[in-house]
Amino acid sequence: MSRLRLLDNNPMVIENNYFSIQYSFLLEENLNDHSLFQILKEKRGIQISKSKRTIEICRATMQEASYLQVSKNSPLLLVHGVVYGNNDKIVYVGNQIINGEKYKLHV
């Protein structure tokens, strides 16, 4: 599942998440106006319990630059993640490509 996430109507994140076939029902859901985690909880009783993330710097490809409205080769944040639900089962793996000029990480 690929999404372009917006902040104040400006492109902020390219998100690519990979689910097993049991989550194909998500393709029918409106993820623009609703929380993915809330839908998983309401429709399947899946509570997200934790995630593991790796953060690194990458450079914008031509396509990423177009989506995020930045120059090609602009520095971006690349976040690889694994998200776990009930009984520590993997719900999905994915990555986010984030416009670092507009992003703050709070630890």
PDB file of N, CA and C in Angstrom:
ATOM      1  N   MET A   1       0.854  -1.160   0.000  1.00  0.00           N
ATOM      2  CA  MET A   1       0.000   0.000   0.000  1.00  0.00           C
ATOM      3  C   MET A   1       0.908   1.234   0.000  1.00  0.00           C
ATOM      4  N   SER A   2       0.704   2.094  -0.957  1.00  0.00           N
ATOM      5  CA  SER A   2       1.496   3.314  -1.068  1.00  0.00           C
ATOM      6  C   SER A   2       0.594   4.517  -0.867  1.00  0.00           C
ATOM      7  N   ARG A   3       1.108   5.452  -0.085  1.00  0.00           N
ATOM      8  CA  ARG A   3       0.340   6.676   0.169  1.00  0.00           C
ATOM      9  C   ARG A   3       1.273   7.876   0.157  1.00  0.00           C
ATOM     10  N   LEU A   4       0.768   8.994  -0.320  1.00  0.00           N
ATOM     11  CA  LEU A   4       1.454  10.271  -0.188  1.00  0.00           C
ATOM     12  C   LEU A   4       0.771  11.002   0.944  1.00  0.00           C
ATOM     13  N   ARG A   5       1.490  11.212   2.028  1.00  0.00           N
ATOM     14  CA  ARG A   5       0.918  11.849   3.218  1.00  0.00           C
ATOM     15  C   ARG A   5       1.155  13.353   3.140  1.00  0.00           C
ATOM     16  N   LEU A   6       0.146  14.121   3.525  1.00  0.00           N
ATOM     17  CA  LEU A   6       0.190  15.581   3.444  1.00  0.00           C
ATOM     18  C   LEU A   6       0.195  16.201   4.824  1.00  0.00           C
ATOM     19  N   LEU A   7       0.788  17.367   4.919  1.00  0.00           N
ATOM     20  CA  LEU A   7       0.745  18.189   6.116  1.00  0.00           C
ATOM     21  C   LEU A   7       0.340  19.582   5.664  1.00  0.00           C
ATOM     22  N   ASP A   8      -0.791  20.057   6.135  1.00  0.00           N
ATOM     23  CA  ASP A   8      -1.332  21.357   5.685  1.00  0.00           C
ATOM     24  C   ASP A   8      -1.405  21.420   4.160  1.00  0.00           C
ATOM     25  N   ASN A   9      -1.892  20.340   3.555  1.00  0.00           N
ATOM     26  CA  ASN A   9      -2.053  20.217   2.106  1.00  0.00           C
ATOM     27  C   ASN A   9      -0.740  20.240   1.328  1.00  0.00           C
ATOM     28  N   ASN A  10       0.380  20.058   2.005  1.00  0.00           N
ATOM     29  CA  ASN A  10       1.680  19.982   1.346  1.00  0.00           C
ATOM     30  C   ASN A  10       2.220  18.563   1.469  1.00  0.00           C
ATOM     31  N   PRO A  11       2.813  18.017   0.400  1.00  0.00           N
ATOM     32  CA  PRO A  11       3.347  16.658   0.465  1.00  0.00           C
ATOM     33  C   PRO A  11       4.493  16.570   1.470  1.00  0.00           C
ATOM     34  N   MET A  12       4.423  15.569   2.344  1.00  0.00           N
ATOM     35  CA  MET A  12       5.397  15.442   3.424  1.00  0.00           C
ATOM     36  C   MET A  12       6.095  14.093   3.422  1.00  0.00           C
ATOM     37  N   VAL A  13       5.334  13.007   3.170  1.00  0.00           N
ATOM     38  CA  VAL A  13       5.872  11.654   3.314  1.00  0.00           C
ATOM     39  C   VAL A  13       5.349  10.755   2.197  1.00  0.00           C
ATOM     40  N   ILE A  14       6.246   9.988   1.616  1.00  0.00           N
ATOM     41  CA  ILE A  14       5.857   8.890   0.743  1.00  0.00           C
ATOM     42  C   ILE A  14       5.939   7.643   1.613  1.00  0.00           C
ATOM     43  N   GLU A  15       4.843   6.945   1.718  1.00  0.00           N
ATOM     44  CA  GLU A  15       4.770   5.793   2.617  1.00  0.00           C
ATOM     45  C   GLU A  15       4.459   4.538   1.802  1.00  0.00           C
ATOM     46  N   ASN A  16       5.285   3.520   1.948  1.00  0.00           N
ATOM     47  CA  ASN A  16       5.089   2.239   1.277  1.00  0.00           C
ATOM     48  C   ASN A  16       5.050   1.151   2.344  1.00  0.00           C
ATOM     49  N   ASN A  17       3.885   0.543   2.527  1.00  0.00           N
ATOM     50  CA  ASN A  17       3.717  -0.506   3.533  1.00  0.00           C
ATOM     51  C   ASN A  17       3.318  -1.807   2.848  1.00  0.00           C
ATOM     52  N   TYR A  18       3.863  -2.888   3.363  1.00  0.00           N
ATOM     53  CA  TYR A  18       3.648  -4.210   2.776  1.00  0.00           C
ATOM     54  C   TYR A  18       2.964  -5.106   3.801  1.00  0.00           C
ATOM     55  N   PHE A  19       1.757  -5.562   3.434  1.00  0.00           N
ATOM     56  CA  PHE A  19       0.915  -6.389   4.292  1.00  0.00           C
ATOM     57  C   PHE A  19       0.758  -7.768   3.667  1.00  0.00           C
ATOM     58  N   SER A  20       0.457  -8.760   4.493  1.00  0.00           N
ATOM     59  CA  SER A  20       0.093 -10.069   3.945  1.00  0.00           C
ATOM     60  C   SER A  20      -1.327  -9.979   3.387  1.00  0.00           C
ATOM     61  N   ILE A  21      -1.716 -10.978   2.625  1.00  0.00           N
ATOM     62  CA  ILE A  21      -3.015 -10.995   1.947  1.00  0.00           C
ATOM     63  C   ILE A  21      -4.184 -10.890   2.923  1.00  0.00           C
ATOM     64  N   GLN A  22      -4.012 -11.311   4.158  1.00  0.00           N
ATOM     65  CA  GLN A  22      -5.122 -11.241   5.118  1.00  0.00           C
ATOM     66  C   GLN A  22      -5.556  -9.812   5.405  1.00  0.00           C
ATOM     67  N   TYR A  23      -4.733  -8.855   5.026  1.00  0.00           N
ATOM     68  CA  TYR A  23      -5.073  -7.450   5.238  1.00  0.00           C
ATOM     69  C   TYR A  23      -5.574  -6.776   3.955  1.00  0.00           C
ATOM     70  N   SER A  24      -5.934  -7.550   2.951  1.00  0.00           N
ATOM     71  CA  SER A  24      -6.382  -6.972   1.681  1.00  0.00           C
ATOM     72  C   SER A  24      -7.634  -6.113   1.843  1.00  0.00           C
ATOM     73  N   PHE A  25      -8.402  -6.341   2.908  1.00  0.00           N
ATOM     74  CA  PHE A  25      -9.586  -5.507   3.159  1.00  0.00           C
ATOM     75  C   PHE A  25      -9.224  -4.029   3.271  1.00  0.00           C
ATOM     76  N   LEU A  26      -7.967  -3.719   3.621  1.00  0.00           N
ATOM     77  CA  LEU A  26      -7.544  -2.323   3.762  1.00  0.00           C
ATOM     78  C   LEU A  26      -7.610  -1.563   2.436  1.00  0.00           C
ATOM     79  N   LEU A  27      -7.543  -2.281   1.334  1.00  0.00           N
ATOM     80  CA  LEU A  27      -7.613  -1.630   0.023  1.00  0.00           C
ATOM     81  C   LEU A  27      -8.967  -0.974  -0.212  1.00  0.00           C
ATOM     82  N   GLU A  28      -9.978  -1.402   0.523  1.00  0.00           N
ATOM     83  CA  GLU A  28     -11.332  -0.847   0.392  1.00  0.00           C
ATOM     84  C   GLU A  28     -11.597   0.284   1.401  1.00  0.00           C
ATOM     85  N   GLU A  29     -10.659   0.533   2.285  1.00  0.00           N
ATOM     86  CA  GLU A  29     -10.859   1.532   3.339  1.00  0.00           C
ATOM     87  C   GLU A  29     -10.394   2.918   2.903  1.00  0.00           C
ATOM     88  N   ASN A  30     -11.025   3.935   3.465  1.00  0.00           N
ATOM     89  CA  ASN A  30     -10.624   5.317   3.231  1.00  0.00           C
ATOM     90  C   ASN A  30      -9.522   5.663   4.239  1.00  0.00           C
ATOM     91  N   LEU A  31      -8.285   5.589   3.780  1.00  0.00           N
ATOM     92  CA  LEU A  31      -7.160   5.880   4.668  1.00  0.00           C
ATOM     93  C   LEU A  31      -6.738   7.341   4.615  1.00  0.00           C
ATOM     94  N   ASN A  32      -7.440   8.128   3.820  1.00  0.00           N
ATOM     95  CA  ASN A  32      -7.140   9.558   3.780  1.00  0.00           C
ATOM     96  C   ASN A  32      -7.712  10.277   4.995  1.00  0.00           C
ATOM     97  N   ASP A  33      -8.849   9.798   5.460  1.00  0.00           N
ATOM     98  CA  ASP A  33      -9.533  10.490   6.553  1.00  0.00           C
ATOM     99  C   ASP A  33      -9.594   9.680   7.844  1.00  0.00           C
ATOM    100  N   HIS A  34      -9.021   8.472   7.829  1.00  0.00           N
ATOM    101  CA  HIS A  34      -9.113   7.598   8.995  1.00  0.00           C
ATOM    102  C   HIS A  34      -7.746   6.998   9.328  1.00  0.00           C
ATOM    103  N   SER A  35      -7.529   6.736  10.576  1.00  0.00           N
ATOM    104  CA  SER A  35      -6.286   6.160  11.059  1.00  0.00           C
ATOM    105  C   SER A  35      -6.196   4.683  10.679  1.00  0.00           C
ATOM    106  N   LEU A  36      -5.077   4.292  10.091  1.00  0.00           N
ATOM    107  CA  LEU A  36      -4.829   2.891   9.772  1.00  0.00           C
ATOM    108  C   LEU A  36      -4.911   2.036  11.032  1.00  0.00           C
ATOM    109  N   PHE A  37      -4.284   2.488  12.103  1.00  0.00           N
ATOM    110  CA  PHE A  37      -4.295   1.719  13.351  1.00  0.00           C
ATOM    111  C   PHE A  37      -5.695   1.574  13.913  1.00  0.00           C
ATOM    112  N   GLN A  38      -6.513   2.625  13.793  1.00  0.00           N
ATOM    113  CA  GLN A  38      -7.893   2.564  14.278  1.00  0.00           C
ATOM    114  C   GLN A  38      -8.722   1.576  13.453  1.00  0.00           C
ATOM    115  N   ILE A  39      -8.521   1.584  12.145  1.00  0.00           N
ATOM    116  CA  ILE A  39      -9.243   0.645  11.278  1.00  0.00           C
ATOM    117  C   ILE A  39      -8.861  -0.791  11.622  1.00  0.00           C
ATOM    118  N   LEU A  40      -7.579  -1.050  11.825  1.00  0.00           N
ATOM    119  CA  LEU A  40      -7.139  -2.402  12.191  1.00  0.00           C
ATOM    120  C   LEU A  40      -7.774  -2.850  13.505  1.00  0.00           C
ATOM    121  N   LYS A  41      -7.873  -1.928  14.445  1.00  0.00           N
ATOM    122  CA  LYS A  41      -8.469  -2.259  15.747  1.00  0.00           C
ATOM    123  C   LYS A  41      -9.969  -2.528  15.610  1.00  0.00           C
ATOM    124  N   GLU A  42     -10.668  -1.643  14.917  1.00  0.00           N
ATOM    125  CA  GLU A  42     -12.124  -1.764  14.795  1.00  0.00           C
ATOM    126  C   GLU A  42     -12.564  -2.939  13.925  1.00  0.00           C
ATOM    127  N   LYS A  43     -11.875  -3.174  12.814  1.00  0.00           N
ATOM    128  CA  LYS A  43     -12.305  -4.198  11.850  1.00  0.00           C
ATOM    129  C   LYS A  43     -11.793  -5.596  12.172  1.00  0.00           C
ATOM    130  N   ARG A  44     -10.603  -5.690  12.818  1.00  0.00           N
ATOM    131  CA  ARG A  44     -10.006  -7.009  13.038  1.00  0.00           C
ATOM    132  C   ARG A  44      -9.531  -7.245  14.472  1.00  0.00           C
ATOM    133  N   GLY A  45      -9.734  -6.252  15.344  1.00  0.00           N
ATOM    134  CA  GLY A  45      -9.318  -6.411  16.737  1.00  0.00           C
ATOM    135  C   GLY A  45      -7.813  -6.422  16.921  1.00  0.00           C
ATOM    136  N   ILE A  46      -7.089  -5.848  15.964  1.00  0.00           N
ATOM    137  CA  ILE A  46      -5.626  -5.834  16.034  1.00  0.00           C
ATOM    138  C   ILE A  46      -5.164  -4.551  16.702  1.00  0.00           C
ATOM    139  N   GLN A  47      -4.496  -4.691  17.812  1.00  0.00           N
ATOM    140  CA  GLN A  47      -3.935  -3.566  18.551  1.00  0.00           C
ATOM    141  C   GLN A  47      -2.440  -3.510  18.246  1.00  0.00           C
ATOM    142  N   ILE A  48      -1.954  -2.393  17.727  1.00  0.00           N
ATOM    143  CA  ILE A  48      -0.523  -2.251  17.465  1.00  0.00           C
ATOM    144  C   ILE A  48       0.187  -2.163  18.803  1.00  0.00           C
ATOM    145  N   SER A  49       1.186  -3.023  18.987  1.00  0.00           N
ATOM    146  CA  SER A  49       1.866  -3.100  20.281  1.00  0.00           C
ATOM    147  C   SER A  49       3.238  -2.444  20.276  1.00  0.00           C
ATOM    148  N   LYS A  50       3.936  -2.504  19.137  1.00  0.00           N
ATOM    149  CA  LYS A  50       5.274  -1.898  19.075  1.00  0.00           C
ATOM    150  C   LYS A  50       5.724  -1.827  17.632  1.00  0.00           C
ATOM    151  N   SER A  51       6.798  -1.096  17.437  1.00  0.00           N
ATOM    152  CA  SER A  51       7.432  -1.055  16.123  1.00  0.00           C
ATOM    153  C   SER A  51       8.932  -0.891  16.322  1.00  0.00           C
ATOM    154  N   LYS A  52       9.664  -1.322  15.338  1.00  0.00           N
ATOM    155  CA  LYS A  52      11.112  -1.134  15.307  1.00  0.00           C
ATOM    156  C   LYS A  52      11.426  -0.339  14.054  1.00  0.00           C
ATOM    157  N   ARG A  53      12.224   0.692  14.210  1.00  0.00           N
ATOM    158  CA  ARG A  53      12.502   1.593  13.096  1.00  0.00           C
ATOM    159  C   ARG A  53      14.008   1.829  12.963  1.00  0.00           C
ATOM    160  N   THR A  54      14.431   1.980  11.720  1.00  0.00           N
ATOM    161  CA  THR A  54      15.787   2.380  11.390  1.00  0.00           C
ATOM    162  C   THR A  54      15.683   3.649  10.564  1.00  0.00           C
ATOM    163  N   ILE A  55      16.448   4.666  10.933  1.00  0.00           N
ATOM    164  CA  ILE A  55      16.374   5.958  10.251  1.00  0.00           C
ATOM    165  C   ILE A  55      17.724   6.249   9.610  1.00  0.00           C
ATOM    166  N   GLU A  56      17.675   6.667   8.349  1.00  0.00           N
ATOM    167  CA  GLU A  56      18.901   7.041   7.654  1.00  0.00           C
ATOM    168  C   GLU A  56      18.597   8.171   6.676  1.00  0.00           C
ATOM    169  N   ILE A  57      19.639   8.712   6.092  1.00  0.00           N
ATOM    170  CA  ILE A  57      19.503   9.777   5.107  1.00  0.00           C
ATOM    171  C   ILE A  57      19.590   9.154   3.717  1.00  0.00           C
ATOM    172  N   CYS A  58      18.764   9.642   2.805  1.00  0.00           N
ATOM    173  CA  CYS A  58      18.851   9.231   1.400  1.00  0.00           C
ATOM    174  C   CYS A  58      18.737  10.479   0.539  1.00  0.00           C
ATOM    175  N   ARG A  59      18.870  10.306  -0.743  1.00  0.00           N
ATOM    176  CA  ARG A  59      18.730  11.412  -1.696  1.00  0.00           C
ATOM    177  C   ARG A  59      17.499  11.171  -2.567  1.00  0.00           C
ATOM    178  N   ALA A  60      16.774  12.220  -2.854  1.00  0.00           N
ATOM    179  CA  ALA A  60      15.534  12.115  -3.624  1.00  0.00           C
ATOM    180  C   ALA A  60      15.807  11.668  -5.054  1.00  0.00           C
ATOM    181  N   THR A  61      15.085  10.613  -5.456  1.00  0.00           N
ATOM    182  CA  THR A  61      15.085  10.238  -6.865  1.00  0.00           C
ATOM    183  C   THR A  61      14.224  11.254  -7.614  1.00  0.00           C
ATOM    184  N   MET A  62      14.205  11.155  -8.907  1.00  0.00           N
ATOM    185  CA  MET A  62      13.381  12.074  -9.703  1.00  0.00           C
ATOM    186  C   MET A  62      11.905  11.934  -9.329  1.00  0.00           C
ATOM    187  N   GLN A  63      11.430  10.696  -9.174  1.00  0.00           N
ATOM    188  CA  GLN A  63      10.021  10.476  -8.833  1.00  0.00           C
ATOM    189  C   GLN A  63       9.711  10.967  -7.418  1.00  0.00           C
ATOM    190  N   GLU A  64      10.569  10.662  -6.460  1.00  0.00           N
ATOM    191  CA  GLU A  64      10.355  11.130  -5.084  1.00  0.00           C
ATOM    192  C   GLU A  64      10.367  12.647  -5.013  1.00  0.00           C
ATOM    193  N   ALA A  65      11.290  13.258  -5.734  1.00  0.00           N
ATOM    194  CA  ALA A  65      11.367  14.718  -5.764  1.00  0.00           C
ATOM    195  C   ALA A  65      10.075  15.320  -6.312  1.00  0.00           C
ATOM    196  N   SER A  66       9.531  14.694  -7.334  1.00  0.00           N
ATOM    197  CA  SER A  66       8.281  15.168  -7.913  1.00  0.00           C
ATOM    198  C   SER A  66       7.141  15.072  -6.908  1.00  0.00           C
ATOM    199  N   TYR A  67       7.015  13.933  -6.254  1.00  0.00           N
ATOM    200  CA  TYR A  67       5.947  13.750  -5.262  1.00  0.00           C
ATOM    201  C   TYR A  67       6.077  14.712  -4.081  1.00  0.00           C
ATOM    202  N   LEU A  68       7.309  14.911  -3.601  1.00  0.00           N
ATOM    203  CA  LEU A  68       7.512  15.729  -2.392  1.00  0.00           C
ATOM    204  C   LEU A  68       7.783  17.198  -2.706  1.00  0.00           C
ATOM    205  N   GLN A  69       7.810  17.548  -3.979  1.00  0.00           N
ATOM    206  CA  GLN A  69       8.028  18.924  -4.427  1.00  0.00           C
ATOM    207  C   GLN A  69       9.354  19.479  -3.895  1.00  0.00           C
ATOM    208  N   VAL A  70      10.400  18.686  -4.085  1.00  0.00           N
ATOM    209  CA  VAL A  70      11.769  19.089  -3.747  1.00  0.00           C
ATOM    210  C   VAL A  70      12.636  18.844  -4.981  1.00  0.00           C
ATOM    211  N   SER A  71      13.880  19.272  -4.920  1.00  0.00           N
ATOM    212  CA  SER A  71      14.807  19.047  -6.030  1.00  0.00           C
ATOM    213  C   SER A  71      15.337  17.617  -6.000  1.00  0.00           C
ATOM    214  N   LYS A  72      15.646  17.099  -7.179  1.00  0.00           N
ATOM    215  CA  LYS A  72      16.285  15.787  -7.253  1.00  0.00           C
ATOM    216  C   LYS A  72      17.585  15.832  -6.444  1.00  0.00           C
ATOM    217  N   ASN A  73      17.875  14.763  -5.737  1.00  0.00           N
ATOM    218  CA  ASN A  73      19.054  14.625  -4.875  1.00  0.00           C
ATOM    219  C   ASN A  73      18.953  15.406  -3.567  1.00  0.00           C
ATOM    220  N   SER A  74      17.812  16.018  -3.291  1.00  0.00           N
ATOM    221  CA  SER A  74      17.632  16.672  -1.985  1.00  0.00           C
ATOM    222  C   SER A  74      17.742  15.606  -0.890  1.00  0.00           C
ATOM    223  N   PRO A  75      18.301  15.967   0.266  1.00  0.00           N
ATOM    224  CA  PRO A  75      18.371  14.992   1.358  1.00  0.00           C
ATOM    225  C   PRO A  75      16.977  14.728   1.943  1.00  0.00           C
ATOM    226  N   LEU A  76      16.688  13.457   2.142  1.00  0.00           N
ATOM    227  CA  LEU A  76      15.422  13.020   2.726  1.00  0.00           C
ATOM    228  C   LEU A  76      15.719  12.045   3.846  1.00  0.00           C
ATOM    229  N   LEU A  77      14.760  11.878   4.730  1.00  0.00           N
ATOM    230  CA  LEU A  77      14.867  10.850   5.761  1.00  0.00           C
ATOM    231  C   LEU A  77      14.204   9.585   5.239  1.00  0.00           C
ATOM    232  N   LEU A  78      14.891   8.462   5.401  1.00  0.00           N
ATOM    233  CA  LEU A  78      14.357   7.164   5.020  1.00  0.00           C
ATOM    234  C   LEU A  78      14.180   6.355   6.291  1.00  0.00           C
ATOM    235  N   VAL A  79      12.947   5.975   6.581  1.00  0.00           N
ATOM    236  CA  VAL A  79      12.630   5.226   7.798  1.00  0.00           C
ATOM    237  C   VAL A  79      12.119   3.843   7.398  1.00  0.00           C
ATOM    238  N   HIS A  80      12.886   2.821   7.761  1.00  0.00           N
ATOM    239  CA  HIS A  80      12.453   1.434   7.562  1.00  0.00           C
ATOM    240  C   HIS A  80      11.790   0.981   8.849  1.00  0.00           C
ATOM    241  N   GLY A  81      10.669   0.275   8.752  1.00  0.00           N
ATOM    242  CA  GLY A  81       9.981  -0.144   9.973  1.00  0.00           C
ATOM    243  C   GLY A  81       9.330  -1.509   9.876  1.00  0.00           C
ATOM    244  N   VAL A  82       9.214  -2.127  11.032  1.00  0.00           N
ATOM    245  CA  VAL A  82       8.439  -3.350  11.204  1.00  0.00           C
ATOM    246  C   VAL A  82       7.448  -3.052  12.322  1.00  0.00           C
ATOM    247  N   VAL A  83       6.159  -3.279  12.068  1.00  0.00           N
ATOM    248  CA  VAL A  83       5.098  -2.961  13.023  1.00  0.00           C
ATOM    249  C   VAL A  83       4.454  -4.259  13.499  1.00  0.00           C
ATOM    250  N   TYR A  84       4.315  -4.366  14.823  1.00  0.00           N
ATOM    251  CA  TYR A  84       3.813  -5.587  15.450  1.00  0.00           C
ATOM    252  C   TYR A  84       2.469  -5.328  16.113  1.00  0.00           C
ATOM    253  N   GLY A  85       1.647  -6.369  16.132  1.00  0.00           N
ATOM    254  CA  GLY A  85       0.340  -6.295  16.772  1.00  0.00           C
ATOM    255  C   GLY A  85       0.213  -7.321  17.867  1.00  0.00           C
ATOM    256  N   ASN A  86      -1.011  -7.827  18.019  1.00  0.00           N
ATOM    257  CA  ASN A  86      -1.328  -8.817  19.050  1.00  0.00           C
ATOM    258  C   ASN A  86      -0.319  -9.963  19.031  1.00  0.00           C
ATOM    259  N   ASN A  87       0.097 -10.389  20.215  1.00  0.00           N
ATOM    260  CA  ASN A  87       1.025 -11.518  20.359  1.00  0.00           C
ATOM    261  C   ASN A  87       2.336 -11.309  19.599  1.00  0.00           C
ATOM    262  N   ASP A  88       2.731 -10.060  19.433  1.00  0.00           N
ATOM    263  CA  ASP A  88       3.981  -9.706  18.739  1.00  0.00           C
ATOM    264  C   ASP A  88       4.077 -10.261  17.320  1.00  0.00           C
ATOM    265  N   LYS A  89       2.938 -10.420  16.661  1.00  0.00           N
ATOM    266  CA  LYS A  89       2.930 -10.854  15.264  1.00  0.00           C
ATOM    267  C   LYS A  89       3.125  -9.639  14.363  1.00  0.00           C
ATOM    268  N   ILE A  90       3.910  -9.820  13.319  1.00  0.00           N
ATOM    269  CA  ILE A  90       4.144  -8.721  12.379  1.00  0.00           C
ATOM    270  C   ILE A  90       2.841  -8.395  11.650  1.00  0.00           C
ATOM    271  N   VAL A  91       2.478  -7.117  11.681  1.00  0.00           N
ATOM    272  CA  VAL A  91       1.302  -6.638  10.953  1.00  0.00           C
ATOM    273  C   VAL A  91       1.738  -6.174   9.555  1.00  0.00           C
ATOM    274  N   TYR A  92       2.811  -5.388   9.507  1.00  0.00           N
ATOM    275  CA  TYR A  92       3.339  -4.967   8.210  1.00  0.00           C
ATOM    276  C   TYR A  92       4.777  -4.502   8.350  1.00  0.00           C
ATOM    277  N   VAL A  93       5.455  -4.455   7.218  1.00  0.00           N
ATOM    278  CA  VAL A  93       6.774  -3.847   7.116  1.00  0.00           C
ATOM    279  C   VAL A  93       6.646  -2.726   6.103  1.00  0.00           C
ATOM    280  N   GLY A  94       7.489  -1.733   6.233  1.00  0.00           N
ATOM    281  CA  GLY A  94       7.367  -0.637   5.294  1.00  0.00           C
ATOM    282  C   GLY A  94       8.489   0.357   5.400  1.00  0.00           C
ATOM    283  N   ASN A  95       8.364   1.397   4.588  1.00  0.00           N
ATOM    284  CA  ASN A  95       9.312   2.497   4.663  1.00  0.00           C
ATOM    285  C   ASN A  95       8.584   3.810   4.412  1.00  0.00           C
ATOM    286  N   GLN A  96       9.181   4.836   4.951  1.00  0.00           N
ATOM    287  CA  GLN A  96       8.679   6.191   4.750  1.00  0.00           C
ATOM    288  C   GLN A  96       9.836   7.021   4.223  1.00  0.00           C
ATOM    289  N   ILE A  97       9.550   7.826   3.223  1.00  0.00           N
ATOM    290  CA  ILE A  97      10.520   8.766   2.686  1.00  0.00           C
ATOM    291  C   ILE A  97       9.983  10.143   3.038  1.00  0.00           C
ATOM    292  N   ILE A  98      10.715  10.832   3.893  1.00  0.00           N
ATOM    293  CA  ILE A  98      10.198  12.047   4.533  1.00  0.00           C
ATOM    294  C   ILE A  98      10.984  13.281   4.094  1.00  0.00           C
ATOM    295  N   ASN A  99      10.252  14.335   3.791  1.00  0.00           N
ATOM    296  CA  ASN A  99      10.878  15.624   3.496  1.00  0.00           C
ATOM    297  C   ASN A  99      11.492  16.154   4.788  1.00  0.00           C
ATOM    298  N   GLY A 100      12.787  16.020   4.924  1.00  0.00           N
ATOM    299  CA  GLY A 100      13.499  16.396   6.153  1.00  0.00           C
ATOM    300  C   GLY A 100      13.477  17.881   6.460  1.00  0.00           C
ATOM    301  N   GLU A 101      13.216  18.712   5.466  1.00  0.00           N
ATOM    302  CA  GLU A 101      13.185  20.157   5.699  1.00  0.00           C
ATOM    303  C   GLU A 101      12.007  20.570   6.566  1.00  0.00           C
ATOM    304  N   LYS A 102      10.989  19.713   6.629  1.00  0.00           N
ATOM    305  CA  LYS A 102       9.777  20.074   7.358  1.00  0.00           C
ATOM    306  C   LYS A 102       9.494  19.096   8.511  1.00  0.00           C
ATOM    307  N   TYR A 103      10.474  18.312   8.883  1.00  0.00           N
ATOM    308  CA  TYR A 103      10.235  17.222   9.836  1.00  0.00           C
ATOM    309  C   TYR A 103      11.038  17.440  11.116  1.00  0.00           C
ATOM    310  N   LYS A 104      10.399  17.163  12.228  1.00  0.00           N
ATOM    311  CA  LYS A 104      11.071  17.191  13.520  1.00  0.00           C
ATOM    312  C   LYS A 104      10.887  15.829  14.189  1.00  0.00           C
ATOM    313  N   LEU A 105      11.959  15.287  14.694  1.00  0.00           N
ATOM    314  CA  LEU A 105      11.913  14.010  15.392  1.00  0.00           C
ATOM    315  C   LEU A 105      12.023  14.265  16.881  1.00  0.00           C
ATOM    316  N   HIS A 106      11.030  13.837  17.637  1.00  0.00           N
ATOM    317  CA  HIS A 106      11.041  13.988  19.096  1.00  0.00           C
ATOM    318  C   HIS A 106      11.294  12.615  19.687  1.00  0.00           C
ATOM    319  N   VAL A 107      12.346  12.490  20.467  1.00  0.00           N
ATOM    320  CA  VAL A 107      12.702  11.197  21.059  1.00  0.00           C
ATOM    321  C   VAL A 107      12.400  11.204  22.540  1.00  0.00           C
TER     322      VAL A 107
END
